[in-house]
Amino acid sequence: MPAFVPDILPARPASAAHGIGIIGAGGIVQHGHLPAYRKAGFSVIGLTSRTEETVTRTADAWGVAWRGTDWRALLDLPALTVVDVTYPFDEERLEIVREAAARGKHILMQKPLAHSRETAAEMVRLAADAGVKLAVNQNARWCPQYRAAWQAIREGWVGEVYFLLHEMLNTQDSQAWFAARWYAQQPRFQLLEYAVHHLDLLRFWTGQEPTRVTTSVGRKPTQQTVGEMLASVTLEFPGGTLAVAIEDNAAHPDATPRSRFRLEGTRGVLSGEAMGDPHLTLVSDRLPAPVTPDLPGTWFPDAFIGTMGELLRAIEEDRESTISGADNLKTLEIVFQAYESAGL
């Protein structure tokens, strides 16, 4: 009798000697990047932040020897192989890519790659012209439930996938810390900063590019955030495959956050949850009963091992990364078309 055996642990590079420098010391670095890199045994040799107090506190907590407030000084470290960029805004990101590429340093950029088509394309061009690798931290691809679903699709357990649904629910609009940060002041938020994960997953799962993107957005009457927090995005793929991403980041403060999905195919169904109660259930006519496999790891921090590990292996193997900037232009194109469809 056949069995579905998930094989989803992030592959590691052959060498642990690649020097990693991180630009930024915010929450995503402290809760995602640094815990993941320590767990994987990656070598973080330097850390920068705009404020000395933040970089000193974070570097001390994680045992990072070199720390500073000038990211250009970080690029001067002889042992630096990859610069991991978490600063959010295009102008500074573009300058970092320009200088890092000119010095032969490979780059892992936090998603979204950029806030405009032009800036994203320029980053990809700069890296290509310099012969360095630019990857994008689409870490959801290594979330255990999402990656196991991708494996099941590739192995034919659900046949031809014809409908995909991803539903995200969160309460960030009602949280004081969120309202006090830059996120809440951006004219574009949910689709660009958050749904970019889910739209990239729909590309990843189908292995196709959509032929049409249709979007509707809404607004909570008491919403604090300037940008959109409620949206529904429909993607039409070649052959009639339909995918829908539902985004609600303005839910009641007592709501339980979730990232729920359902993928229907001609031979079965994949359903699961990636956040509060992580699980995956596979129903297939190749199996005598539904299965809910035990999946190793968690989205935070293990998926961040996947993104950095994939880039380091691409460097070692001298190939394009599966999360390259060039590939990510296709994900960003969906995001920009979504905004254009919604009139934003």
C-alpha atoms as a PDB file:
ATOM      1  CA  MET A   1       0.000   0.000   0.000  1.00  0.00           C
ATOM      2  CA  PRO A   2       1.498   3.420  -0.919  1.00  0.00           C
ATOM      3  CA  ALA A   3       2.238   5.934   1.830  1.00  0.00           C
ATOM      4  CA  PHE A   4       2.734   9.662   1.864  1.00  0.00           C
ATOM      5  CA  VAL A   5       6.037  10.331   3.637  1.00  0.00           C
ATOM      6  CA  PRO A   6       6.784  14.053   3.996  1.00  0.00           C
ATOM      7  CA  ASP A   7      10.412  14.957   3.365  1.00  0.00           C
ATOM      8  CA  ILE A   8      10.347  18.662   4.156  1.00  0.00           C
ATOM      9  CA  LEU A   9      13.276  19.517   6.412  1.00  0.00           C
ATOM     10  CA  PRO A  10      15.273  22.376   4.875  1.00  0.00           C
ATOM     11  CA  ALA A  11      18.423  21.159   3.141  1.00  0.00           C
ATOM     12  CA  ARG A  12      21.639  22.551   4.624  1.00  0.00           C
ATOM     13  CA  PRO A  13      24.647  23.925   2.756  1.00  0.00           C
ATOM     14  CA  ALA A  14      27.776  21.790   2.625  1.00  0.00           C
ATOM     15  CA  SER A  15      29.778  24.367   4.575  1.00  0.00           C
ATOM     16  CA  ALA A  16      28.927  26.264   7.749  1.00  0.00           C
ATOM     17  CA  ALA A  17      31.668  28.788   7.105  1.00  0.00           C
ATOM     18  CA  HIS A  18      29.678  31.253   4.999  1.00  0.00           C
ATOM     19  CA  GLY A  19      29.731  34.569   6.840  1.00  0.00           C
ATOM     20  CA  ILE A  20      26.285  36.172   7.216  1.00  0.00           C
ATOM     21  CA  GLY A  21      25.770  39.838   8.036  1.00  0.00           C
ATOM     22  CA  ILE A  22      22.296  41.084   8.982  1.00  0.00           C
ATOM     23  CA  ILE A  23      21.124  44.622   8.277  1.00  0.00           C
ATOM     24  CA  GLY A  24      18.378  45.388  10.762  1.00  0.00           C
ATOM     25  CA  ALA A  25      17.617  44.139  14.268  1.00  0.00           C
ATOM     26  CA  GLY A  26      13.839  44.391  14.457  1.00  0.00           C
ATOM     27  CA  GLY A  27      11.289  41.831  15.554  1.00  0.00           C
ATOM     28  CA  ILE A  28      11.569  39.635  12.456  1.00  0.00           C
ATOM     29  CA  VAL A  29      15.327  39.342  13.015  1.00  0.00           C
ATOM     30  CA  GLN A  30      14.989  38.574  16.707  1.00  0.00           C
ATOM     31  CA  HIS A  31      12.157  36.045  16.299  1.00  0.00           C
ATOM     32  CA  GLY A  32      12.931  34.579  12.868  1.00  0.00           C
ATOM     33  CA  HIS A  33      16.379  35.089  11.417  1.00  0.00           C
ATOM     34  CA  LEU A  34      18.649  34.820  14.461  1.00  0.00           C
ATOM     35  CA  PRO A  35      16.901  31.827  16.118  1.00  0.00           C
ATOM     36  CA  ALA A  36      16.867  29.995  12.778  1.00  0.00           C
ATOM     37  CA  TYR A  37      20.511  30.643  12.001  1.00  0.00           C
ATOM     38  CA  ARG A  38      21.596  29.559  15.470  1.00  0.00           C
ATOM     39  CA  LYS A  39      19.525  26.371  15.183  1.00  0.00           C
ATOM     40  CA  ALA A  40      21.039  25.611  11.774  1.00  0.00           C
ATOM     41  CA  GLY A  41      24.594  26.381  12.835  1.00  0.00           C
ATOM     42  CA  PHE A  42      24.955  29.220  10.319  1.00  0.00           C
ATOM     43  CA  SER A  43      27.690  31.769  10.972  1.00  0.00           C
ATOM     44  CA  VAL A  44      26.333  35.248  11.739  1.00  0.00           C
ATOM     45  CA  ILE A  45      29.405  37.467  11.854  1.00  0.00           C
ATOM     46  CA  GLY A  46      27.856  40.924  11.963  1.00  0.00           C
ATOM     47  CA  LEU A  47      24.697  42.856  12.789  1.00  0.00           C
ATOM     48  CA  THR A  48      23.619  46.439  12.189  1.00  0.00           C
ATOM     49  CA  SER A  49      20.746  48.586  13.375  1.00  0.00           C
ATOM     50  CA  ARG A  50      19.986  52.288  13.120  1.00  0.00           C
ATOM     51  CA  THR A  51      20.336  52.698  16.883  1.00  0.00           C
ATOM     52  CA  GLU A  52      23.331  51.686  18.959  1.00  0.00           C
ATOM     53  CA  GLU A  53      21.205  50.566  21.898  1.00  0.00           C
ATOM     54  CA  THR A  54      19.195  48.133  19.763  1.00  0.00           C
ATOM     55  CA  VAL A  55      22.157  46.638  17.952  1.00  0.00           C
ATOM     56  CA  THR A  56      24.174  46.239  21.154  1.00  0.00           C
ATOM     57  CA  ARG A  57      21.310  44.575  23.013  1.00  0.00           C
ATOM     58  CA  THR A  58      20.501  42.210  20.137  1.00  0.00           C
ATOM     59  CA  ALA A  59      24.112  41.345  19.311  1.00  0.00           C
ATOM     60  CA  ASP A  60      24.854  40.619  22.966  1.00  0.00           C
ATOM     61  CA  ALA A  61      21.761  38.428  23.285  1.00  0.00           C
ATOM     62  CA  TRP A  62      22.713  36.348  20.247  1.00  0.00           C
ATOM     63  CA  GLY A  63      26.489  36.366  20.582  1.00  0.00           C
ATOM     64  CA  VAL A  64      27.203  38.335  17.395  1.00  0.00           C
ATOM     65  CA  ALA A  65      30.756  39.675  17.619  1.00  0.00           C
ATOM     66  CA  TRP A  66      30.631  42.596  15.191  1.00  0.00           C
ATOM     67  CA  ARG A  67      27.908  45.184  15.594  1.00  0.00           C
ATOM     68  CA  GLY A  68      27.402  48.734  14.359  1.00  0.00           C
ATOM     69  CA  THR A  69      25.018  51.384  13.057  1.00  0.00           C
ATOM     70  CA  ASP A  70      26.606  51.738   9.593  1.00  0.00           C
ATOM     71  CA  TRP A  71      25.679  48.949   7.183  1.00  0.00           C
ATOM     72  CA  ARG A  72      28.458  50.045   4.818  1.00  0.00           C
ATOM     73  CA  ALA A  73      31.001  49.083   7.480  1.00  0.00           C
ATOM     74  CA  LEU A  74      29.390  45.646   7.652  1.00  0.00           C
ATOM     75  CA  LEU A  75      30.079  45.174   3.938  1.00  0.00           C
ATOM     76  CA  ASP A  76      33.784  45.708   4.639  1.00  0.00           C
ATOM     77  CA  LEU A  77      34.064  42.524   6.732  1.00  0.00           C
ATOM     78  CA  PRO A  78      36.423  40.191   4.797  1.00  0.00           C
ATOM     79  CA  ALA A  79      34.567  37.037   5.909  1.00  0.00           C
ATOM     80  CA  LEU A  80      31.172  38.311   4.736  1.00  0.00           C
ATOM     81  CA  THR A  81      29.502  36.103   2.092  1.00  0.00           C
ATOM     82  CA  VAL A  82      25.828  37.077   2.359  1.00  0.00           C
ATOM     83  CA  VAL A  83      24.132  40.249   3.503  1.00  0.00           C
ATOM     84  CA  ASP A  84      20.663  39.619   4.937  1.00  0.00           C
ATOM     85  CA  VAL A  85      18.599  42.799   4.427  1.00  0.00           C
ATOM     86  CA  THR A  86      15.552  43.529   6.586  1.00  0.00           C
ATOM     87  CA  TYR A  87      15.248  47.316   6.257  1.00  0.00           C
ATOM     88  CA  PRO A  88      11.787  48.001   4.766  1.00  0.00           C
ATOM     89  CA  PHE A  89      12.025  50.918   2.342  1.00  0.00           C
ATOM     90  CA  ASP A  90      12.994  50.918  -1.320  1.00  0.00           C
ATOM     91  CA  GLU A  91      15.467  53.794  -1.350  1.00  0.00           C
ATOM     92  CA  GLU A  92      17.717  52.276   1.305  1.00  0.00           C
ATOM     93  CA  ARG A  93      17.289  48.735  -0.017  1.00  0.00           C
ATOM     94  CA  LEU A  94      18.298  49.782  -3.511  1.00  0.00           C
ATOM     95  CA  GLU A  95      21.431  51.485  -2.194  1.00  0.00           C
ATOM     96  CA  ILE A  96      22.330  48.407  -0.148  1.00  0.00           C
ATOM     97  CA  VAL A  97      21.903  46.143  -3.187  1.00  0.00           C
ATOM     98  CA  ARG A  98      23.988  48.495  -5.327  1.00  0.00           C
ATOM     99  CA  GLU A  99      26.888  48.604  -2.862  1.00  0.00           C
ATOM    100  CA  ALA A 100      26.718  44.951  -1.804  1.00  0.00           C
ATOM    101  CA  ALA A 101      26.665  43.762  -5.419  1.00  0.00           C
ATOM    102  CA  ALA A 102      29.575  46.022  -6.326  1.00  0.00           C
ATOM    103  CA  ARG A 103      31.599  44.392  -3.523  1.00  0.00           C
ATOM    104  CA  GLY A 104      30.678  40.869  -4.631  1.00  0.00           C
ATOM    105  CA  LYS A 105      28.389  40.094  -1.694  1.00  0.00           C
ATOM    106  CA  HIS A 106      25.342  37.872  -2.192  1.00  0.00           C
ATOM    107  CA  ILE A 107      22.017  39.185  -0.895  1.00  0.00           C
ATOM    108  CA  LEU A 108      18.951  37.788   0.863  1.00  0.00           C
ATOM    109  CA  MET A 109      16.196  40.423   0.815  1.00  0.00           C
ATOM    110  CA  GLN A 110      13.212  40.386   3.143  1.00  0.00           C
ATOM    111  CA  LYS A 111       9.907  40.207   1.284  1.00  0.00           C
ATOM    112  CA  PRO A 112       8.542  42.124  -0.496  1.00  0.00           C
ATOM    113  CA  LEU A 113      11.574  42.599  -2.723  1.00  0.00           C
ATOM    114  CA  ALA A 114      10.454  46.165  -3.477  1.00  0.00           C
ATOM    115  CA  HIS A 115       7.407  48.432  -3.471  1.00  0.00           C
ATOM    116  CA  SER A 116       7.508  49.117  -7.222  1.00  0.00           C
ATOM    117  CA  ARG A 117       8.138  47.169 -10.401  1.00  0.00           C
ATOM    118  CA  GLU A 118      10.941  49.540 -11.371  1.00  0.00           C
ATOM    119  CA  THR A 119      12.891  49.219  -8.124  1.00  0.00           C
ATOM    120  CA  ALA A 120      12.510  45.437  -8.024  1.00  0.00           C
ATOM    121  CA  ALA A 121      13.729  45.098 -11.624  1.00  0.00           C
ATOM    122  CA  GLU A 122      16.677  47.399 -10.906  1.00  0.00           C
ATOM    123  CA  MET A 123      17.733  45.277  -7.926  1.00  0.00           C
ATOM    124  CA  VAL A 124      17.638  42.135 -10.054  1.00  0.00           C
ATOM    125  CA  ARG A 125      19.644  43.866 -12.793  1.00  0.00           C
ATOM    126  CA  LEU A 126      22.306  45.145 -10.375  1.00  0.00           C
ATOM    127  CA  ALA A 127      22.839  41.681  -8.901  1.00  0.00           C
ATOM    128  CA  ALA A 128      22.955  39.988 -12.311  1.00  0.00           C
ATOM    129  CA  ASP A 129      25.416  42.528 -13.725  1.00  0.00           C
ATOM    130  CA  ALA A 130      27.703  42.032 -10.725  1.00  0.00           C
ATOM    131  CA  GLY A 131      27.459  38.231 -10.863  1.00  0.00           C
ATOM    132  CA  VAL A 132      26.059  37.914  -7.331  1.00  0.00           C
ATOM    133  CA  LYS A 133      22.975  36.044  -6.205  1.00  0.00           C
ATOM    134  CA  LEU A 134      19.910  37.924  -5.014  1.00  0.00           C
ATOM    135  CA  ALA A 135      17.256  35.868  -3.212  1.00  0.00           C
ATOM    136  CA  VAL A 136      14.006  36.873  -1.517  1.00  0.00           C
ATOM    137  CA  ASN A 137      12.925  35.630   1.903  1.00  0.00           C
ATOM    138  CA  GLN A 138       9.657  33.968   0.837  1.00  0.00           C
ATOM    139  CA  ASN A 139       9.916  31.789   3.930  1.00  0.00           C
ATOM    140  CA  ALA A 140       6.335  30.468   3.717  1.00  0.00           C
ATOM    141  CA  ARG A 141       7.608  28.047   1.078  1.00  0.00           C
ATOM    142  CA  TRP A 142       9.405  26.238   3.923  1.00  0.00           C
ATOM    143  CA  CYS A 143       6.567  26.362   6.455  1.00  0.00           C
ATOM    144  CA  PRO A 144       6.067  22.622   7.208  1.00  0.00           C
ATOM    145  CA  GLN A 145       2.358  22.470   6.282  1.00  0.00           C
ATOM    146  CA  TYR A 146       2.767  24.483   3.087  1.00  0.00           C
ATOM    147  CA  ARG A 147       5.834  22.568   1.959  1.00  0.00           C
ATOM    148  CA  ALA A 148       4.282  19.174   2.676  1.00  0.00           C
ATOM    149  CA  ALA A 149       1.287  20.227   0.572  1.00  0.00           C
ATOM    150  CA  TRP A 150       3.659  21.140  -2.258  1.00  0.00           C
ATOM    151  CA  GLN A 151       5.348  17.735  -1.978  1.00  0.00           C
ATOM    152  CA  ALA A 152       2.000  15.942  -2.047  1.00  0.00           C
ATOM    153  CA  ILE A 153       1.017  17.822  -5.202  1.00  0.00           C
ATOM    154  CA  ARG A 154       4.326  17.012  -6.909  1.00  0.00           C
ATOM    155  CA  GLU A 155       3.986  13.331  -6.044  1.00  0.00           C
ATOM    156  CA  GLY A 156       0.486  13.164  -7.541  1.00  0.00           C
ATOM    157  CA  TRP A 157      -1.459  12.354  -4.384  1.00  0.00           C
ATOM    158  CA  VAL A 158      -4.316  14.710  -5.264  1.00  0.00           C
ATOM    159  CA  GLY A 159      -4.087  14.472  -9.035  1.00  0.00           C
ATOM    160  CA  GLU A 160      -4.567  17.651 -11.048  1.00  0.00           C
ATOM    161  CA  VAL A 161      -5.226  20.575  -8.734  1.00  0.00           C
ATOM    162  CA  TYR A 162      -8.138  22.678  -9.971  1.00  0.00           C
ATOM    163  CA  PHE A 163      -9.109  24.829  -6.954  1.00  0.00           C
ATOM    164  CA  LEU A 164      -6.981  26.450  -4.245  1.00  0.00           C
ATOM    165  CA  LEU A 165      -8.165  28.515  -1.288  1.00  0.00           C
ATOM    166  CA  HIS A 166      -5.987  30.291   1.271  1.00  0.00           C
ATOM    167  CA  GLU A 167      -7.645  32.179   4.115  1.00  0.00           C
ATOM    168  CA  MET A 168      -5.637  34.427   6.436  1.00  0.00           C
ATOM    169  CA  LEU A 169      -7.113  35.988   9.582  1.00  0.00           C
ATOM    170  CA  ASN A 170      -5.230  38.223  12.008  1.00  0.00           C
ATOM    171  CA  THR A 171      -5.806  41.105  14.406  1.00  0.00           C
ATOM    172  CA  GLN A 172      -2.910  43.445  13.715  1.00  0.00           C
ATOM    173  CA  ASP A 173      -5.067  46.500  13.035  1.00  0.00           C
ATOM    174  CA  SER A 174      -6.280  46.457  16.653  1.00  0.00           C
ATOM    175  CA  GLN A 175      -2.834  46.046  18.211  1.00  0.00           C
ATOM    176  CA  ALA A 176      -1.118  49.085  19.744  1.00  0.00           C
ATOM    177  CA  TRP A 177       2.388  48.004  18.725  1.00  0.00           C
ATOM    178  CA  PHE A 178       1.282  47.755  15.103  1.00  0.00           C
ATOM    179  CA  ALA A 179      -0.397  51.162  15.080  1.00  0.00           C
ATOM    180  CA  ALA A 180       2.816  52.723  16.428  1.00  0.00           C
ATOM    181  CA  ARG A 181       5.049  51.292  13.715  1.00  0.00           C
ATOM    182  CA  TRP A 182       5.700  52.247  10.089  1.00  0.00           C
ATOM    183  CA  TYR A 183       3.428  49.463   8.869  1.00  0.00           C
ATOM    184  CA  ALA A 184       0.256  51.300   9.835  1.00  0.00           C
ATOM    185  CA  GLN A 185       1.183  54.446   7.916  1.00  0.00           C
ATOM    186  CA  GLN A 186       1.785  52.870   4.510  1.00  0.00           C
ATOM    187  CA  PRO A 187      -0.733  53.543   1.702  1.00  0.00           C
ATOM    188  CA  ARG A 188      -0.395  49.885   0.703  1.00  0.00           C
ATOM    189  CA  PHE A 189      -0.099  47.172   3.325  1.00  0.00           C
ATOM    190  CA  GLN A 190      -1.906  43.830   3.364  1.00  0.00           C
ATOM    191  CA  LEU A 191      -1.375  42.702  -0.219  1.00  0.00           C
ATOM    192  CA  LEU A 192       2.209  43.945  -0.470  1.00  0.00           C
ATOM    193  CA  GLU A 193       3.568  43.146   2.981  1.00  0.00           C
ATOM    194  CA  TYR A 194       1.521  40.105   4.015  1.00  0.00           C
ATOM    195  CA  ALA A 195      -0.472  38.497   1.202  1.00  0.00           C
ATOM    196  CA  VAL A 196       2.718  38.389  -0.852  1.00  0.00           C
ATOM    197  CA  HIS A 197       3.380  35.155   1.100  1.00  0.00           C
ATOM    198  CA  HIS A 198       0.053  33.644   0.114  1.00  0.00           C
ATOM    199  CA  LEU A 199       0.117  34.774  -3.518  1.00  0.00           C
ATOM    200  CA  ASP A 200       3.619  33.350  -3.824  1.00  0.00           C
ATOM    201  CA  LEU A 201       2.328  30.066  -2.382  1.00  0.00           C
ATOM    202  CA  LEU A 202      -0.381  29.870  -5.035  1.00  0.00           C
ATOM    203  CA  ARG A 203       2.348  30.206  -7.700  1.00  0.00           C
ATOM    204  CA  PHE A 204       4.507  27.671  -5.844  1.00  0.00           C
ATOM    205  CA  TRP A 205       1.734  25.096  -5.495  1.00  0.00           C
ATOM    206  CA  THR A 206       0.439  25.337  -9.063  1.00  0.00           C
ATOM    207  CA  GLY A 207       3.808  25.820 -10.754  1.00  0.00           C
ATOM    208  CA  GLN A 208       2.096  28.313 -13.069  1.00  0.00           C
ATOM    209  CA  GLU A 209       1.615  32.030 -13.597  1.00  0.00           C
ATOM    210  CA  PRO A 210      -1.949  33.408 -13.527  1.00  0.00           C
ATOM    211  CA  THR A 211      -3.544  34.690 -16.696  1.00  0.00           C
ATOM    212  CA  ARG A 212      -5.905  37.003 -14.799  1.00  0.00           C
ATOM    213  CA  VAL A 213      -5.878  38.674 -11.364  1.00  0.00           C
ATOM    214  CA  THR A 214      -9.068  40.125  -9.864  1.00  0.00           C
ATOM    215  CA  THR A 215      -9.172  41.860  -6.491  1.00  0.00           C
ATOM    216  CA  SER A 216     -11.705  43.407  -4.132  1.00  0.00           C
ATOM    217  CA  VAL A 217     -10.767  45.326  -0.979  1.00  0.00           C
ATOM    218  CA  GLY A 218     -12.758  46.486   2.024  1.00  0.00           C
ATOM    219  CA  ARG A 219     -12.230  48.639   5.068  1.00  0.00           C
ATOM    220  CA  LYS A 220     -13.214  48.195   8.705  1.00  0.00           C
ATOM    221  CA  PRO A 221     -15.121  51.304   9.876  1.00  0.00           C
ATOM    222  CA  THR A 222     -12.798  51.733  12.885  1.00  0.00           C
ATOM    223  CA  GLN A 223      -9.612  50.760  11.042  1.00  0.00           C
ATOM    224  CA  GLN A 224      -6.408  52.422  12.281  1.00  0.00           C
ATOM    225  CA  THR A 225      -4.197  51.360   9.391  1.00  0.00           C
ATOM    226  CA  VAL A 226      -3.898  53.702   6.409  1.00  0.00           C
ATOM    227  CA  GLY A 227      -3.529  50.900   3.860  1.00  0.00           C
ATOM    228  CA  GLU A 228      -5.864  48.027   3.027  1.00  0.00           C
ATOM    229  CA  MET A 229      -6.351  45.271   5.620  1.00  0.00           C
ATOM    230  CA  LEU A 230      -9.265  43.375   4.007  1.00  0.00           C
ATOM    231  CA  ALA A 231      -8.973  41.846   0.549  1.00  0.00           C
ATOM    232  CA  SER A 232      -9.999  38.974  -1.680  1.00  0.00           C
ATOM    233  CA  VAL A 233      -7.757  38.053  -4.620  1.00  0.00           C
ATOM    234  CA  THR A 234      -8.818  35.622  -7.345  1.00  0.00           C
ATOM    235  CA  LEU A 235      -6.208  34.116  -9.664  1.00  0.00           C
ATOM    236  CA  GLU A 236      -7.139  32.341 -12.880  1.00  0.00           C
ATOM    237  CA  PHE A 237      -4.508  29.924 -14.136  1.00  0.00           C
ATOM    238  CA  PRO A 238      -4.111  28.194 -17.525  1.00  0.00           C
ATOM    239  CA  GLY A 239      -6.425  25.210 -17.979  1.00  0.00           C
ATOM    240  CA  GLY A 240      -9.164  26.603 -15.739  1.00  0.00           C
ATOM    241  CA  THR A 241      -7.462  26.275 -12.340  1.00  0.00           C
ATOM    242  CA  LEU A 242      -8.900  28.824  -9.901  1.00  0.00           C
ATOM    243  CA  ALA A 243      -7.211  30.143  -6.738  1.00  0.00           C
ATOM    244  CA  VAL A 244      -8.527  32.523  -4.089  1.00  0.00           C
ATOM    245  CA  ALA A 245      -6.679  34.309  -1.291  1.00  0.00           C
ATOM    246  CA  ILE A 246      -8.838  35.884   1.430  1.00  0.00           C
ATOM    247  CA  GLU A 247      -7.121  38.416   3.693  1.00  0.00           C
ATOM    248  CA  ASP A 248      -8.596  39.709   6.955  1.00  0.00           C
ATOM    249  CA  ASN A 249      -6.077  41.519   9.142  1.00  0.00           C
ATOM    250  CA  ALA A 250      -8.677  43.667  10.923  1.00  0.00           C
ATOM    251  CA  ALA A 251     -10.465  40.906  12.809  1.00  0.00           C
ATOM    252  CA  HIS A 252     -11.902  41.310  16.305  1.00  0.00           C
ATOM    253  CA  PRO A 253      -9.106  41.563  18.904  1.00  0.00           C
ATOM    254  CA  ASP A 254     -10.242  38.287  20.500  1.00  0.00           C
ATOM    255  CA  ALA A 255     -10.105  36.335  17.228  1.00  0.00           C
ATOM    256  CA  THR A 256      -7.637  33.467  16.892  1.00  0.00           C
ATOM    257  CA  PRO A 257      -5.144  34.131  14.073  1.00  0.00           C
ATOM    258  CA  ARG A 258      -5.070  31.509  11.345  1.00  0.00           C
ATOM    259  CA  SER A 259      -3.619  30.674   7.947  1.00  0.00           C
ATOM    260  CA  ARG A 260      -5.977  28.031   6.586  1.00  0.00           C
ATOM    261  CA  PHE A 261      -5.903  26.380   3.164  1.00  0.00           C
ATOM    262  CA  ARG A 262      -7.717  23.842   0.995  1.00  0.00           C
ATOM    263  CA  LEU A 263      -6.449  22.440  -2.301  1.00  0.00           C
ATOM    264  CA  GLU A 264      -8.818  20.313  -4.377  1.00  0.00           C
ATOM    265  CA  GLY A 265      -7.617  17.926  -7.066  1.00  0.00           C
ATOM    266  CA  THR A 266      -8.995  15.250  -9.351  1.00  0.00           C
ATOM    267  CA  ARG A 267      -7.768  12.499  -6.996  1.00  0.00           C
ATOM    268  CA  GLY A 268      -8.011  14.087  -3.562  1.00  0.00           C
ATOM    269  CA  VAL A 269      -7.924  17.068  -1.229  1.00  0.00           C
ATOM    270  CA  LEU A 270      -5.258  18.746   0.875  1.00  0.00           C
ATOM    271  CA  SER A 271      -6.382  20.887   3.809  1.00  0.00           C
ATOM    272  CA  GLY A 272      -4.539  22.410   6.685  1.00  0.00           C
ATOM    273  CA  GLU A 273      -3.583  25.220   9.011  1.00  0.00           C
ATOM    274  CA  ALA A 274      -0.166  26.846   9.323  1.00  0.00           C
ATOM    275  CA  MET A 275      -0.574  28.996  12.444  1.00  0.00           C
ATOM    276  CA  GLY A 276      -2.577  28.380  15.631  1.00  0.00           C
ATOM    277  CA  ASP A 277      -3.052  24.592  15.360  1.00  0.00           C
ATOM    278  CA  PRO A 278      -0.626  23.587  12.596  1.00  0.00           C
ATOM    279  CA  HIS A 279      -1.653  20.460  10.704  1.00  0.00           C
ATOM    280  CA  LEU A 280      -2.095  18.976   7.251  1.00  0.00           C
ATOM    281  CA  THR A 281      -4.701  16.409   6.175  1.00  0.00           C
ATOM    282  CA  LEU A 282      -4.457  14.491   2.913  1.00  0.00           C
ATOM    283  CA  VAL A 283      -7.428  12.690   1.365  1.00  0.00           C
ATOM    284  CA  SER A 284      -6.512  10.680  -1.730  1.00  0.00           C
ATOM    285  CA  ASP A 285      -8.015   7.855  -3.745  1.00  0.00           C
ATOM    286  CA  ARG A 286      -4.534   6.310  -3.544  1.00  0.00           C
ATOM    287  CA  LEU A 287      -4.916   5.917   0.238  1.00  0.00           C
ATOM    288  CA  PRO A 288      -7.373   3.779   2.242  1.00  0.00           C
ATOM    289  CA  ALA A 289      -8.165   6.629   4.656  1.00  0.00           C
ATOM    290  CA  PRO A 290      -7.290  10.280   5.277  1.00  0.00           C
ATOM    291  CA  VAL A 291      -3.832  10.875   6.747  1.00  0.00           C
ATOM    292  CA  THR A 292      -2.584  13.664   9.007  1.00  0.00           C
ATOM    293  CA  PRO A 293       1.198  13.215   9.033  1.00  0.00           C
ATOM    294  CA  ASP A 294       3.459  14.418  11.803  1.00  0.00           C
ATOM    295  CA  LEU A 295       5.494  17.261  10.340  1.00  0.00           C
ATOM    296  CA  PRO A 296       8.846  18.291  11.826  1.00  0.00           C
ATOM    297  CA  GLY A 297       9.596  21.898  12.554  1.00  0.00           C
ATOM    298  CA  THR A 298       7.580  25.100  12.711  1.00  0.00           C
ATOM    299  CA  TRP A 299       7.111  28.137  10.461  1.00  0.00           C
ATOM    300  CA  PHE A 300       9.023  30.302  12.965  1.00  0.00           C
ATOM    301  CA  PRO A 301      11.949  29.862  13.012  1.00  0.00           C
ATOM    302  CA  ASP A 302      12.550  26.771  10.845  1.00  0.00           C
ATOM    303  CA  ALA A 303      11.315  28.242   7.564  1.00  0.00           C
ATOM    304  CA  PHE A 304      14.057  30.866   7.818  1.00  0.00           C
ATOM    305  CA  ILE A 305      16.594  28.030   7.773  1.00  0.00           C
ATOM    306  CA  GLY A 306      15.052  27.104   4.444  1.00  0.00           C
ATOM    307  CA  THR A 307      15.469  30.491   2.783  1.00  0.00           C
ATOM    308  CA  MET A 308      19.024  31.188   3.904  1.00  0.00           C
ATOM    309  CA  GLY A 309      20.010  27.549   3.380  1.00  0.00           C
ATOM    310  CA  GLU A 310      18.633  27.588  -0.165  1.00  0.00           C
ATOM    311  CA  LEU A 311      20.648  30.712  -0.988  1.00  0.00           C
ATOM    312  CA  LEU A 312      23.842  29.283   0.518  1.00  0.00           C
ATOM    313  CA  ARG A 313      23.407  26.055  -1.456  1.00  0.00           C
ATOM    314  CA  ALA A 314      22.796  28.043  -4.642  1.00  0.00           C
ATOM    315  CA  ILE A 315      26.087  29.852  -3.986  1.00  0.00           C
ATOM    316  CA  GLU A 316      27.919  26.572  -3.414  1.00  0.00           C
ATOM    317  CA  GLU A 317      26.375  24.937  -6.482  1.00  0.00           C
ATOM    318  CA  ASP A 318      26.657  28.068  -8.649  1.00  0.00           C
ATOM    319  CA  ARG A 319      23.008  27.968  -9.725  1.00  0.00           C
ATOM    320  CA  GLU A 320      20.021  30.255  -9.587  1.00  0.00           C
ATOM    321  CA  SER A 321      18.179  30.061  -6.305  1.00  0.00           C
ATOM    322  CA  THR A 322      14.589  28.817  -6.355  1.00  0.00           C
ATOM    323  CA  ILE A 323      13.726  32.039  -4.509  1.00  0.00           C
ATOM    324  CA  SER A 324      15.785  34.292  -6.761  1.00  0.00           C
ATOM    325  CA  GLY A 325      14.968  37.919  -7.318  1.00  0.00           C
ATOM    326  CA  ALA A 326      14.198  37.110 -10.941  1.00  0.00           C
ATOM    327  CA  ASP A 327      11.631  34.515  -9.890  1.00  0.00           C
ATOM    328  CA  ASN A 328      10.185  36.883  -7.305  1.00  0.00           C
ATOM    329  CA  LEU A 329       9.427  39.475  -9.966  1.00  0.00           C
ATOM    330  CA  LYS A 330       6.619  37.113 -11.021  1.00  0.00           C
ATOM    331  CA  THR A 331       5.154  37.063  -7.520  1.00  0.00           C
ATOM    332  CA  LEU A 332       5.391  40.839  -7.270  1.00  0.00           C
ATOM    333  CA  GLU A 333       3.657  41.166 -10.627  1.00  0.00           C
ATOM    334  CA  ILE A 334       0.636  39.389  -9.133  1.00  0.00           C
ATOM    335  CA  VAL A 335       0.668  41.832  -6.211  1.00  0.00           C
ATOM    336  CA  PHE A 336       0.841  44.877  -8.472  1.00  0.00           C
ATOM    337  CA  GLN A 337      -1.904  43.534 -10.723  1.00  0.00           C
ATOM    338  CA  ALA A 338      -4.007  42.930  -7.620  1.00  0.00           C
ATOM    339  CA  TYR A 339      -3.670  46.578  -6.632  1.00  0.00           C
ATOM    340  CA  GLU A 340      -4.468  47.727 -10.148  1.00  0.00           C
ATOM    341  CA  SER A 341      -7.574  45.512 -10.207  1.00  0.00           C
ATOM    342  CA  ALA A 342      -8.731  47.060  -6.909  1.00  0.00           C
ATOM    343  CA  GLY A 343      -8.035  50.586  -8.145  1.00  0.00           C
ATOM    344  CA  LEU A 344      -5.357  51.212  -5.504  1.00  0.00           C
END
